[in-house]
Protein backbone atom coordinates (compact mmCIF):
# COMPACT_ATOMS: atom_id res chain seq x y z
CA MET A 1 65.21 6.86 -31.60
CA ASP A 2 63.23 4.38 -29.98
CA TYR A 3 63.31 2.29 -26.88
CA TYR A 4 61.81 -0.48 -26.03
CA SER A 5 61.09 -2.24 -22.81
CA ASP A 6 62.65 -5.72 -21.67
CA ASP A 7 59.56 -6.03 -19.05
CA SER A 8 57.67 -9.14 -20.73
CA ASN A 9 54.28 -7.59 -19.30
CA ASP A 10 54.52 -4.92 -21.70
CA ASP A 11 54.27 -6.59 -25.12
CA ASP A 12 57.57 -4.94 -26.55
CA LYS A 13 55.95 -1.45 -25.75
CA LYS A 14 57.69 0.76 -27.64
CA TYR A 15 59.30 4.71 -26.16
CA ASP A 16 60.70 7.45 -28.07
CA LEU A 17 62.70 10.08 -26.72
CA ASP A 18 60.22 12.76 -27.57
CA GLU A 19 57.96 10.65 -24.73
CA MET A 20 60.81 10.64 -22.60
CA LEU A 21 61.66 14.36 -22.35
CA LYS A 22 58.04 14.87 -21.52
CA ASN A 23 58.49 13.74 -18.31
CA ASP A 24 59.40 15.81 -15.43
CA ASP A 25 60.97 13.60 -13.55
CA ILE A 26 63.64 12.43 -16.64
CA CYS A 27 63.91 16.34 -17.33
CA ASP A 28 64.99 16.65 -13.85
CA ILE A 29 67.62 14.21 -14.06
CA LEU A 30 69.22 15.68 -17.48
CA GLU A 31 69.20 18.88 -15.84
CA ASN A 32 70.51 18.37 -12.54
CA ALA A 33 73.39 16.47 -14.70
CA PHE A 34 73.93 19.58 -17.17
CA GLU A 35 74.15 22.01 -13.98
CA LEU A 36 76.68 19.86 -12.14
CA ASN A 37 78.92 18.81 -15.60
CA PHE A 38 78.31 23.02 -16.34
CA ILE A 39 79.88 23.70 -12.48
CA THR A 40 82.55 21.07 -12.80
CA ASP A 41 83.82 22.49 -15.99
CA CYS A 42 83.31 26.27 -15.37
CA ARG A 43 83.46 26.97 -11.85
CA ASP A 44 87.26 28.17 -11.73
CA GLU A 45 86.45 30.40 -14.82
CA ILE A 46 83.97 32.05 -12.87
CA GLU A 47 85.62 32.28 -9.81
CA ASN A 48 87.83 34.23 -12.17
CA ILE A 49 85.66 36.53 -13.81
CA LYS A 50 84.12 37.17 -10.48
CA GLN A 51 87.74 38.06 -9.25
CA LYS A 52 88.29 40.47 -12.36
CA TYR A 53 85.21 42.13 -11.43
CA ILE A 54 86.26 42.71 -7.61
CA ASN A 55 89.68 43.94 -8.72
CA LEU A 56 88.15 46.44 -11.30
CA TYR A 57 85.52 47.67 -9.13
CA LEU A 58 87.69 47.84 -5.66
CA GLY A 59 85.96 45.47 -3.90
CA GLY A 60 82.56 47.09 -4.49
CA GLY A 61 79.92 46.62 -6.65
CA ILE A 62 77.27 43.38 -6.57
CA PHE A 63 80.14 41.87 -4.23
CA LYS A 64 80.93 44.33 -1.98
CA ASN A 65 79.75 42.05 1.12
CA ASP A 66 81.27 39.51 0.35
CA GLU A 67 84.10 39.46 2.56
CA ASN A 68 85.83 36.10 2.08
CA ASN A 69 85.11 36.18 -1.52
CA VAL A 70 82.89 32.87 -1.37
CA ASN A 71 79.73 34.07 -2.99
CA TRP A 72 80.48 33.08 -7.00
CA GLU A 73 77.09 31.10 -6.60
CA ARG A 74 75.65 34.07 -7.45
CA LEU A 75 77.67 35.14 -10.52
CA PHE A 76 77.16 31.12 -11.46
CA LYS A 77 73.55 31.33 -11.18
CA ILE A 78 73.32 34.71 -13.25
CA ILE A 79 75.67 32.95 -15.76
CA TYR A 80 73.67 29.54 -15.74
CA ASP A 81 70.56 30.94 -16.30
CA ASN A 82 71.46 32.23 -19.30
CA VAL A 83 73.57 29.38 -20.88
CA GLU A 84 71.85 27.22 -23.61
CA LYS A 85 71.44 23.93 -22.09
CA LYS A 86 72.43 21.15 -24.41
CA TYR A 87 71.49 17.75 -22.50
CA ASP A 88 73.52 14.87 -22.23
CA LEU A 89 71.08 12.40 -24.27
CA GLY A 90 73.75 9.60 -24.15
CA MET A 91 72.15 9.03 -20.38
CA ILE A 92 69.23 7.46 -22.09
CA GLU A 93 70.97 5.68 -24.60
CA SER A 94 73.22 3.74 -21.97
CA ASP A 95 70.55 2.88 -20.02
CA PRO A 96 66.89 3.08 -21.49
CA ASP A 97 65.47 0.69 -19.07
CA PHE A 98 66.04 2.61 -15.91
CA PHE A 99 64.47 5.54 -17.95
CA ILE A 100 61.71 3.18 -19.36
CA ASN A 101 60.69 2.66 -15.30
CA ILE A 102 60.99 5.76 -14.31
CA LEU A 103 58.09 6.45 -17.49
CA LYS A 104 56.19 3.38 -15.84
CA LYS A 105 55.39 4.93 -12.59
């Protein structure tokens, strides 16, 4: 899909999605949004998996030093690093000017 700048100085320069996805700042925004959604959607489930592991190994294993049962982030990191990330490109479609301005910097 192509996006056009609203800036009159650009002579309606056309930007495509591939060009936007090559920009590090835009990729960081998409990554952060995906991670936030993943945490929101999966934190309870990850905590349940961790608790099942602790119960199975009677408090031992990789979480044995987690006396307060708060280090769900370790398990989150393992899982998050191995999920297939599908970024919400609708963010770009809903506000292309915001992302075009990032490209112009």
